[in-house]
Amino acid sequence: TARAIEADIYSAIPTEKVDGTCCYVTTYKGQPYLWAR
């Protein structure tokens, strides 16, 4: 894809795609919290 070429995919770091469910850590109630997708 053009997007991959634009992002210089040839110098990108390949990593394992993990099979789970996505989460995010950001602030809630004034402290770091785990968020579910």
PDB file of all heavy atoms in Angstrom:
ATOM      1  N   THR A   1       0.822  -1.211   0.000  1.00  0.00           N
ATOM      2  CA  THR A   1       0.000   0.000   0.000  1.00  0.00           C
ATOM      3  C   THR A   1       0.861   1.268   0.000  1.00  0.00           C
ATOM      4  O   THR A   1       2.000   1.282   0.482  1.00  0.00           O
ATOM      5  CB  THR A   1      -0.926   0.056   1.233  1.00  0.00           C
ATOM      6  OG1 THR A   1      -0.118   0.160   2.416  1.00  0.00           O
ATOM      7  CG2 THR A   1      -1.813  -1.176   1.321  1.00  0.00           C
ATOM      8  N   ALA A   2       0.272   2.344  -0.516  1.00  0.00           N
ATOM      9  CA  ALA A   2       0.953   3.643  -0.539  1.00  0.00           C
ATOM     10  C   ALA A   2       1.242   4.113   0.885  1.00  0.00           C
ATOM     11  O   ALA A   2       2.281   4.734   1.144  1.00  0.00           O
ATOM     12  CB  ALA A   2       0.092   4.665  -1.279  1.00  0.00           C
ATOM     13  N   ARG A   3       0.315   3.822   1.820  1.00  0.00           N
ATOM     14  CA  ARG A   3       0.521   4.231   3.218  1.00  0.00           C
ATOM     15  C   ARG A   3       1.749   3.555   3.805  1.00  0.00           C
ATOM     16  O   ARG A   3       2.531   4.176   4.535  1.00  0.00           O
ATOM     17  CB  ARG A   3      -0.729   3.889   4.050  1.00  0.00           C
ATOM     18  CG  ARG A   3      -0.613   4.299   5.524  1.00  0.00           C
ATOM     19  CD  ARG A   3      -0.595   5.812   5.654  1.00  0.00           C
ATOM     20  NE  ARG A   3      -0.310   6.274   7.016  1.00  0.00           N
ATOM     21  CZ  ARG A   3       0.914   6.578   7.467  1.00  0.00           C
ATOM     22  NH1 ARG A   3       1.976   6.438   6.676  1.00  0.00           N
ATOM     23  NH2 ARG A   3       1.077   7.036   8.691  1.00  0.00           N
ATOM     24  N   ALA A   4       1.927   2.267   3.491  1.00  0.00           N
ATOM     25  CA  ALA A   4       3.091   1.540   4.007  1.00  0.00           C
ATOM     26  C   ALA A   4       4.382   2.079   3.408  1.00  0.00           C
ATOM     27  O   ALA A   4       5.392   2.218   4.104  1.00  0.00           O
ATOM     28  CB  ALA A   4       2.947   0.052   3.722  1.00  0.00           C
ATOM     29  N   ILE A   5       4.364   2.396   2.129  1.00  0.00           N
ATOM     30  CA  ILE A   5       5.537   2.961   1.465  1.00  0.00           C
ATOM     31  C   ILE A   5       5.871   4.328   2.063  1.00  0.00           C
ATOM     32  O   ILE A   5       7.026   4.639   2.367  1.00  0.00           O
ATOM     33  CB  ILE A   5       5.299   3.094  -0.045  1.00  0.00           C
ATOM     34  CG1 ILE A   5       5.078   1.713  -0.687  1.00  0.00           C
ATOM     35  CG2 ILE A   5       6.457   3.821  -0.713  1.00  0.00           C
ATOM     36  CD1 ILE A   5       6.278   0.802  -0.662  1.00  0.00           C
ATOM     37  N   GLU A   6       4.836   5.142   2.257  1.00  0.00           N
ATOM     38  CA  GLU A   6       5.012   6.480   2.817  1.00  0.00           C
ATOM     39  C   GLU A   6       5.613   6.416   4.221  1.00  0.00           C
ATOM     40  O   GLU A   6       6.409   7.270   4.620  1.00  0.00           O
ATOM     41  CB  GLU A   6       3.653   7.188   2.849  1.00  0.00           C
ATOM     42  CG  GLU A   6       3.662   8.594   3.401  1.00  0.00           C
ATOM     43  CD  GLU A   6       2.258   9.159   3.519  1.00  0.00           C
ATOM     44  OE1 GLU A   6       1.417   8.848   2.657  1.00  0.00           O
ATOM     45  OE2 GLU A   6       2.007   9.914   4.476  1.00  0.00           O
ATOM     46  N   ALA A   7       5.229   5.380   4.992  1.00  0.00           N
ATOM     47  CA  ALA A   7       5.728   5.228   6.365  1.00  0.00           C
ATOM     48  C   ALA A   7       7.091   4.538   6.415  1.00  0.00           C
ATOM     49  O   ALA A   7       7.603   4.269   7.506  1.00  0.00           O
ATOM     50  CB  ALA A   7       4.716   4.446   7.189  1.00  0.00           C
ATOM     51  N   ASP A   8       7.665   4.252   5.237  1.00  0.00           N
ATOM     52  CA  ASP A   8       8.970   3.593   5.132  1.00  0.00           C
ATOM     53  C   ASP A   8       8.943   2.217   5.791  1.00  0.00           C
ATOM     54  O   ASP A   8       9.705   1.920   6.719  1.00  0.00           O
ATOM     55  CB  ASP A   8      10.065   4.467   5.761  1.00  0.00           C
ATOM     56  CG  ASP A   8      11.467   3.980   5.405  1.00  0.00           C
ATOM     57  OD1 ASP A   8      11.585   3.126   4.497  1.00  0.00           O
ATOM     58  OD2 ASP A   8      12.434   4.433   6.043  1.00  0.00           O
ATOM     59  N   ILE A   9       8.046   1.379   5.288  1.00  0.00           N
ATOM     60  CA  ILE A   9       7.857   0.037   5.831  1.00  0.00           C
ATOM     61  C   ILE A   9       9.150  -0.785   5.798  1.00  0.00           C
ATOM     62  O   ILE A   9       9.372  -1.647   6.646  1.00  0.00           O
ATOM     63  CB  ILE A   9       6.730  -0.695   5.053  1.00  0.00           C
ATOM     64  CG1 ILE A   9       6.398  -2.058   5.680  1.00  0.00           C
ATOM     65  CG2 ILE A   9       7.087  -0.872   3.583  1.00  0.00           C
ATOM     66  CD1 ILE A   9       5.694  -1.978   6.993  1.00  0.00           C
ATOM     67  N   TYR A  10      10.049  -0.465   4.862  1.00  0.00           N
ATOM     68  CA  TYR A  10      11.276  -1.256   4.720  1.00  0.00           C
ATOM     69  C   TYR A  10      12.248  -1.043   5.883  1.00  0.00           C
ATOM     70  O   TYR A  10      13.158  -1.855   6.088  1.00  0.00           O
ATOM     71  CB  TYR A  10      11.951  -0.938   3.382  1.00  0.00           C
ATOM     72  CG  TYR A  10      11.147  -1.447   2.198  1.00  0.00           C
ATOM     73  CD1 TYR A  10      10.329  -0.596   1.476  1.00  0.00           C
ATOM     74  CD2 TYR A  10      11.203  -2.793   1.832  1.00  0.00           C
ATOM     75  CE1 TYR A  10       9.581  -1.058   0.406  1.00  0.00           C
ATOM     76  CE2 TYR A  10      10.459  -3.274   0.766  1.00  0.00           C
ATOM     77  CZ  TYR A  10       9.647  -2.403   0.056  1.00  0.00           C
ATOM     78  OH  TYR A  10       8.908  -2.875  -0.992  1.00  0.00           O
ATOM     79  N   SER A  11      12.079   0.035   6.631  1.00  0.00           N
ATOM     80  CA  SER A  11      12.935   0.247   7.807  1.00  0.00           C
ATOM     81  C   SER A  11      12.155   0.083   9.113  1.00  0.00           C
ATOM     82  O   SER A  11      12.658   0.404  10.185  1.00  0.00           O
ATOM     83  CB  SER A  11      13.574   1.649   7.755  1.00  0.00           C
ATOM     84  OG  SER A  11      12.573   2.655   7.836  1.00  0.00           O
ATOM     85  N   ALA A  12      10.921  -0.420   9.008  1.00  0.00           N
ATOM     86  CA  ALA A  12      10.078  -0.602  10.195  1.00  0.00           C
ATOM     87  C   ALA A  12      10.534  -1.813  11.009  1.00  0.00           C
ATOM     88  O   ALA A  12      11.241  -2.693  10.510  1.00  0.00           O
ATOM     89  CB  ALA A  12       8.620  -0.772   9.773  1.00  0.00           C
ATOM     90  N   ILE A  13      10.103  -1.856  12.267  1.00  0.00           N
ATOM     91  CA  ILE A  13      10.448  -2.960  13.165  1.00  0.00           C
ATOM     92  C   ILE A  13       9.314  -3.983  13.162  1.00  0.00           C
ATOM     93  O   ILE A  13       8.174  -3.666  13.558  1.00  0.00           O
ATOM     94  CB  ILE A  13      10.684  -2.446  14.597  1.00  0.00           C
ATOM     95  CG1 ILE A  13      11.860  -1.472  14.622  1.00  0.00           C
ATOM     96  CG2 ILE A  13      10.938  -3.611  15.553  1.00  0.00           C
ATOM     97  CD1 ILE A  13      12.036  -0.744  15.940  1.00  0.00           C
ATOM     98  N   PRO A  14       9.569  -5.215  12.710  1.00  0.00           N
ATOM     99  CA  PRO A  14       8.523  -6.247  12.709  1.00  0.00           C
ATOM    100  C   PRO A  14       8.361  -6.860  14.104  1.00  0.00           C
ATOM    101  O   PRO A  14       9.346  -7.226  14.743  1.00  0.00           O
ATOM    102  CB  PRO A  14       9.043  -7.282  11.709  1.00  0.00           C
ATOM    103  CG  PRO A  14      10.531  -7.143  11.777  1.00  0.00           C
ATOM    104  CD  PRO A  14      10.834  -5.708  12.133  1.00  0.00           C
ATOM    105  N   THR A  15       7.128  -6.954  14.572  1.00  0.00           N
ATOM    106  CA  THR A  15       6.864  -7.516  15.897  1.00  0.00           C
ATOM    107  C   THR A  15       5.733  -8.544  15.815  1.00  0.00           C
ATOM    108  O   THR A  15       4.956  -8.554  14.861  1.00  0.00           O
ATOM    109  CB  THR A  15       6.469  -6.424  16.907  1.00  0.00           C
ATOM    110  OG1 THR A  15       5.190  -5.873  16.538  1.00  0.00           O
ATOM    111  CG2 THR A  15       7.501  -5.307  16.943  1.00  0.00           C
ATOM    112  N   GLU A  16       5.657  -9.369  16.838  1.00  0.00           N
ATOM    113  CA  GLU A  16       4.606 -10.388  16.883  1.00  0.00           C
ATOM    114  C   GLU A  16       3.241  -9.761  17.167  1.00  0.00           C
ATOM    115  O   GLU A  16       3.099  -8.950  18.080  1.00  0.00           O
ATOM    116  CB  GLU A  16       4.913 -11.425  17.962  1.00  0.00           C
ATOM    117  CG  GLU A  16       3.844 -12.496  18.099  1.00  0.00           C
ATOM    118  CD  GLU A  16       4.131 -13.517  19.182  1.00  0.00           C
ATOM    119  OE1 GLU A  16       5.300 -13.629  19.599  1.00  0.00           O
ATOM    120  OE2 GLU A  16       3.176 -14.199  19.608  1.00  0.00           O
ATOM    121  N   LYS A  17       2.254 -10.127  16.379  1.00  0.00           N
ATOM    122  CA  LYS A  17       0.867  -9.733  16.639  1.00  0.00           C
ATOM    123  C   LYS A  17       0.302 -10.710  17.667  1.00  0.00           C
ATOM    124  O   LYS A  17       0.208 -11.902  17.415  1.00  0.00           O
ATOM    125  CB  LYS A  17       0.045  -9.769  15.351  1.00  0.00           C
ATOM    126  CG  LYS A  17      -1.391  -9.289  15.509  1.00  0.00           C
ATOM    127  CD  LYS A  17      -2.100  -9.306  14.148  1.00  0.00           C
ATOM    128  CE  LYS A  17      -3.502  -8.706  14.254  1.00  0.00           C
ATOM    129  NZ  LYS A  17      -4.412  -9.543  15.049  1.00  0.00           N
ATOM    130  N   VAL A  18      -0.044 -10.199  18.830  1.00  0.00           N
ATOM    131  CA  VAL A  18      -0.492 -11.039  19.944  1.00  0.00           C
ATOM    132  C   VAL A  18      -2.007 -11.230  19.861  1.00  0.00           C
ATOM    133  O   VAL A  18      -2.764 -10.295  19.564  1.00  0.00           O
ATOM    134  CB  VAL A  18      -0.091 -10.411  21.290  1.00  0.00           C
ATOM    135  CG1 VAL A  18      -0.583 -11.243  22.459  1.00  0.00           C
ATOM    136  CG2 VAL A  18       1.428 -10.267  21.362  1.00  0.00           C
ATOM    137  N   ASP A  19      -2.460 -12.450  20.133  1.00  0.00           N
ATOM    138  CA  ASP A  19      -3.867 -12.821  19.992  1.00  0.00           C
ATOM    139  C   ASP A  19      -4.606 -12.661  21.319  1.00  0.00           C
ATOM    140  O   ASP A  19      -4.643 -13.559  22.150  1.00  0.00           O
ATOM    141  CB  ASP A  19      -3.962 -14.275  19.512  1.00  0.00           C
ATOM    142  CG  ASP A  19      -5.384 -14.663  19.117  1.00  0.00           C
ATOM    143  OD1 ASP A  19      -6.289 -13.807  19.218  1.00  0.00           O
ATOM    144  OD2 ASP A  19      -5.588 -15.819  18.702  1.00  0.00           O
ATOM    145  N   GLY A  20      -5.181 -11.475  21.528  1.00  0.00           N
ATOM    146  CA  GLY A  20      -5.927 -11.205  22.755  1.00  0.00           C
ATOM    147  C   GLY A  20      -6.987 -10.157  22.506  1.00  0.00           C
ATOM    148  O   GLY A  20      -7.600 -10.117  21.448  1.00  0.00           O
ATOM    149  N   THR A  21      -7.207  -9.289  23.495  1.00  0.00           N
ATOM    150  CA  THR A  21      -8.152  -8.189  23.334  1.00  0.00           C
ATOM    151  C   THR A  21      -7.446  -6.893  23.729  1.00  0.00           C
ATOM    152  O   THR A  21      -6.692  -6.849  24.709  1.00  0.00           O
ATOM    153  CB  THR A  21      -9.438  -8.405  24.166  1.00  0.00           C
ATOM    154  OG1 THR A  21     -10.364  -7.362  23.901  1.00  0.00           O
ATOM    155  CG2 THR A  21      -9.167  -8.455  25.658  1.00  0.00           C
ATOM    156  N   CYS A  22      -7.678  -5.857  22.945  1.00  0.00           N
ATOM    157  CA  CYS A  22      -6.923  -4.619  23.079  1.00  0.00           C
ATOM    158  C   CYS A  22      -7.345  -3.808  24.311  1.00  0.00           C
ATOM    159  O   CYS A  22      -8.537  -3.694  24.616  1.00  0.00           O
ATOM    160  CB  CYS A  22      -7.104  -3.790  21.814  1.00  0.00           C
ATOM    161  SG  CYS A  22      -5.933  -2.451  21.635  1.00  0.00           S
ATOM    162  N   CYS A  23      -6.352  -3.239  24.994  1.00  0.00           N
ATOM    163  CA  CYS A  23      -6.583  -2.394  26.174  1.00  0.00           C
ATOM    164  C   CYS A  23      -5.753  -1.122  26.052  1.00  0.00           C
ATOM    165  O   CYS A  23      -4.849  -1.025  25.222  1.00  0.00           O
ATOM    166  CB  CYS A  23      -6.175  -3.127  27.457  1.00  0.00           C
ATOM    167  SG  CYS A  23      -7.005  -4.687  27.740  1.00  0.00           S
ATOM    168  N   TYR A  24      -6.050  -0.179  26.926  1.00  0.00           N
ATOM    169  CA  TYR A  24      -5.383   1.124  26.885  1.00  0.00           C
ATOM    170  C   TYR A  24      -5.229   1.608  28.319  1.00  0.00           C
ATOM    171  O   TYR A  24      -6.119   1.404  29.151  1.00  0.00           O
ATOM    172  CB  TYR A  24      -6.260   2.074  26.063  1.00  0.00           C
ATOM    173  CG  TYR A  24      -5.829   3.513  25.955  1.00  0.00           C
ATOM    174  CD1 TYR A  24      -4.507   3.883  25.743  1.00  0.00           C
ATOM    175  CD2 TYR A  24      -6.791   4.534  26.014  1.00  0.00           C
ATOM    176  CE1 TYR A  24      -4.140   5.211  25.603  1.00  0.00           C
ATOM    177  CE2 TYR A  24      -6.429   5.866  25.871  1.00  0.00           C
ATOM    178  CZ  TYR A  24      -5.101   6.198  25.660  1.00  0.00           C
ATOM    179  OH  TYR A  24      -4.747   7.510  25.515  1.00  0.00           O
ATOM    180  N   VAL A  25      -4.098   2.227  28.626  1.00  0.00           N
ATOM    181  CA  VAL A  25      -3.890   2.806  29.958  1.00  0.00           C
ATOM    182  C   VAL A  25      -3.846   4.319  29.825  1.00  0.00           C
ATOM    183  O   VAL A  25      -2.992   4.866  29.124  1.00  0.00           O
ATOM    184  CB  VAL A  25      -2.597   2.291  30.612  1.00  0.00           C
ATOM    185  CG1 VAL A  25      -2.373   2.992  31.962  1.00  0.00           C
ATOM    186  CG2 VAL A  25      -2.656   0.781  30.816  1.00  0.00           C
ATOM    187  N   THR A  26      -4.801   4.986  30.462  1.00  0.00           N
ATOM    188  CA  THR A  26      -4.828   6.442  30.489  1.00  0.00           C
ATOM    189  C   THR A  26      -5.491   6.887  31.784  1.00  0.00           C
ATOM    190  O   THR A  26      -5.942   6.058  32.582  1.00  0.00           O
ATOM    191  CB  THR A  26      -5.545   7.027  29.255  1.00  0.00           C
ATOM    192  OG1 THR A  26      -5.283   8.438  29.178  1.00  0.00           O
ATOM    193  CG2 THR A  26      -7.056   6.800  29.299  1.00  0.00           C
ATOM    194  N   THR A  27      -5.562   8.178  31.992  1.00  0.00           N
ATOM    195  CA  THR A  27      -6.036   8.702  33.276  1.00  0.00           C
ATOM    196  C   THR A  27      -7.558   8.651  33.395  1.00  0.00           C
ATOM    197  O   THR A  27      -8.280   8.922  32.434  1.00  0.00           O
ATOM    198  CB  THR A  27      -5.554  10.153  33.458  1.00  0.00           C
ATOM    199  OG1 THR A  27      -4.133  10.181  33.331  1.00  0.00           O
ATOM    200  CG2 THR A  27      -5.931  10.682  34.830  1.00  0.00           C
ATOM    201  N   TYR A  28      -8.026   8.298  34.594  1.00  0.00           N
ATOM    202  CA  TYR A  28      -9.457   8.297  34.936  1.00  0.00           C
ATOM    203  C   TYR A  28      -9.546   8.504  36.443  1.00  0.00           C
ATOM    204  O   TYR A  28      -8.777   7.915  37.193  1.00  0.00           O
ATOM    205  CB  TYR A  28     -10.098   6.972  34.522  1.00  0.00           C
ATOM    206  CG  TYR A  28     -11.566   6.833  34.853  1.00  0.00           C
ATOM    207  CD1 TYR A  28     -12.528   7.679  34.294  1.00  0.00           C
ATOM    208  CD2 TYR A  28     -12.009   5.835  35.728  1.00  0.00           C
ATOM    209  CE1 TYR A  28     -13.867   7.545  34.590  1.00  0.00           C
ATOM    210  CE2 TYR A  28     -13.355   5.687  36.023  1.00  0.00           C
ATOM    211  CZ  TYR A  28     -14.282   6.551  35.459  1.00  0.00           C
ATOM    212  OH  TYR A  28     -15.629   6.413  35.752  1.00  0.00           O
ATOM    213  N   LYS A  29     -10.432   9.369  36.858  1.00  0.00           N
ATOM    214  CA  LYS A  29     -10.563   9.685  38.294  1.00  0.00           C
ATOM    215  C   LYS A  29      -9.232  10.151  38.896  1.00  0.00           C
ATOM    216  O   LYS A  29      -8.911   9.859  40.051  1.00  0.00           O
ATOM    217  CB  LYS A  29     -11.100   8.470  39.068  1.00  0.00           C
ATOM    218  CG  LYS A  29     -12.503   8.055  38.683  1.00  0.00           C
ATOM    219  CD  LYS A  29     -12.961   6.859  39.519  1.00  0.00           C
ATOM    220  CE  LYS A  29     -14.378   6.428  39.167  1.00  0.00           C
ATOM    221  NZ  LYS A  29     -14.804   5.238  39.942  1.00  0.00           N
ATOM    222  N   GLY A  30      -8.439  10.818  38.075  1.00  0.00           N
ATOM    223  CA  GLY A  30      -7.196  11.394  38.570  1.00  0.00           C
ATOM    224  C   GLY A  30      -6.040  10.432  38.741  1.00  0.00           C
ATOM    225  O   GLY A  30      -5.016  10.787  39.329  1.00  0.00           O
ATOM    226  N   GLN A  31      -6.163   9.198  38.231  1.00  0.00           N
ATOM    227  CA  GLN A  31      -5.061   8.245  38.353  1.00  0.00           C
ATOM    228  C   GLN A  31      -5.009   7.354  37.115  1.00  0.00           C
ATOM    229  O   GLN A  31      -5.979   7.266  36.357  1.00  0.00           O
ATOM    230  CB  GLN A  31      -5.237   7.376  39.605  1.00  0.00           C
ATOM    231  CG  GLN A  31      -6.386   6.372  39.535  1.00  0.00           C
ATOM    232  CD  GLN A  31      -6.432   5.469  40.756  1.00  0.00           C
ATOM    233  OE1 GLN A  31      -7.091   5.777  41.741  1.00  0.00           O
ATOM    234  NE2 GLN A  31      -5.725   4.354  40.693  1.00  0.00           N
ATOM    235  N   PRO A  32      -3.877   6.686  36.872  1.00  0.00           N
ATOM    236  CA  PRO A  32      -3.782   5.793  35.715  1.00  0.00           C
ATOM    237  C   PRO A  32      -4.783   4.641  35.840  1.00  0.00           C
ATOM    238  O   PRO A  32      -4.894   4.029  36.902  1.00  0.00           O
ATOM    239  CB  PRO A  32      -2.340   5.276  35.779  1.00  0.00           C
ATOM    240  CG  PRO A  32      -1.608   6.270  36.608  1.00  0.00           C
ATOM    241  CD  PRO A  32      -2.603   6.772  37.610  1.00  0.00           C
ATOM    242  N   TYR A  33      -5.497   4.374  34.750  1.00  0.00           N
ATOM    243  CA  TYR A  33      -6.542   3.344  34.753  1.00  0.00           C
ATOM    244  C   TYR A  33      -6.410   2.476  33.501  1.00  0.00           C
ATOM    245  O   TYR A  33      -5.948   2.941  32.456  1.00  0.00           O
ATOM    246  CB  TYR A  33      -7.922   4.012  34.748  1.00  0.00           C
ATOM    247  CG  TYR A  33      -8.773   3.740  35.966  1.00  0.00           C
ATOM    248  CD1 TYR A  33      -8.469   4.322  37.195  1.00  0.00           C
ATOM    249  CD2 TYR A  33      -9.897   2.914  35.898  1.00  0.00           C
ATOM    250  CE1 TYR A  33      -9.262   4.097  38.318  1.00  0.00           C
ATOM    251  CE2 TYR A  33     -10.699   2.682  37.005  1.00  0.00           C
ATOM    252  CZ  TYR A  33     -10.373   3.271  38.216  1.00  0.00           C
ATOM    253  OH  TYR A  33     -11.154   3.040  39.329  1.00  0.00           O
ATOM    254  N   LEU A  34      -6.833   1.228  33.640  1.00  0.00           N
ATOM    255  CA  LEU A  34      -6.933   0.340  32.483  1.00  0.00           C
ATOM    256  C   LEU A  34      -8.289   0.551  31.815  1.00  0.00           C
ATOM    257  O   LEU A  34      -9.312   0.613  32.493  1.00  0.00           O
ATOM    258  CB  LEU A  34      -6.792  -1.124  32.924  1.00  0.00           C
ATOM    259  CG  LEU A  34      -6.796  -2.168  31.797  1.00  0.00           C
ATOM    260  CD1 LEU A  34      -5.536  -2.052  30.954  1.00  0.00           C
ATOM    261  CD2 LEU A  34      -6.909  -3.582  32.377  1.00  0.00           C
ATOM    262  N   TRP A  35      -8.280   0.660  30.491  1.00  0.00           N
ATOM    263  CA  TRP A  35      -9.502   0.851  29.712  1.00  0.00           C
ATOM    264  C   TRP A  35      -9.681  -0.321  28.749  1.00  0.00           C
ATOM    265  O   TRP A  35      -8.701  -0.815  28.170  1.00  0.00           O
ATOM    266  CB  TRP A  35      -9.451   2.155  28.917  1.00  0.00           C
ATOM    267  CG  TRP A  35      -9.420   3.396  29.765  1.00  0.00           C
ATOM    268  CD1 TRP A  35      -8.479   3.755  30.685  1.00  0.00           C
ATOM    269  CD2 TRP A  35     -10.395   4.447  29.758  1.00  0.00           C
ATOM    270  NE1 TRP A  35      -8.790   4.959  31.254  1.00  0.00           N
ATOM    271  CE2 TRP A  35      -9.960   5.414  30.710  1.00  0.00           C
ATOM    272  CE3 TRP A  35     -11.574   4.690  29.046  1.00  0.00           C
ATOM    273  CZ2 TRP A  35     -10.671   6.585  30.963  1.00  0.00           C
ATOM    274  CZ3 TRP A  35     -12.280   5.853  29.290  1.00  0.00           C
ATOM    275  CH2 TRP A  35     -11.836   6.788  30.236  1.00  0.00           C
ATOM    276  N   ALA A  36     -10.918  -0.771  28.582  1.00  0.00           N
ATOM    277  CA  ALA A  36     -11.237  -1.859  27.657  1.00  0.00           C
ATOM    278  C   ALA A  36     -11.696  -1.283  26.321  1.00  0.00           C
ATOM    279  O   ALA A  36     -12.328  -0.225  26.261  1.00  0.00           O
ATOM    280  CB  ALA A  36     -12.326  -2.750  28.250  1.00  0.00           C
ATOM    281  N   ARG A  37     -11.417  -2.002  25.263  1.00  0.00           N
ATOM    282  CA  ARG A  37     -11.831  -1.579  23.923  1.00  0.00           C
ATOM    283  C   ARG A  37     -13.348  -1.746  23.789  1.00  0.00           C
ATOM    284  O   ARG A  37     -13.906  -2.783  24.104  1.00  0.00           O
ATOM    285  CB  ARG A  37     -11.125  -2.429  22.870  1.00  0.00           C
ATOM    286  CG  ARG A  37     -11.467  -2.097  21.422  1.00  0.00           C
ATOM    287  CD  ARG A  37     -10.911  -0.750  21.008  1.00  0.00           C
ATOM    288  NE  ARG A  37     -11.162  -0.514  19.598  1.00  0.00           N
ATOM    289  CZ  ARG A  37     -10.289  -0.793  18.638  1.00  0.00           C
ATOM    290  NH1 ARG A  37      -9.123  -1.345  18.946  1.00  0.00           N
ATOM    291  NH2 ARG A  37     -10.574  -0.529  17.389  1.00  0.00           N
TER     292      ARG A  37
END
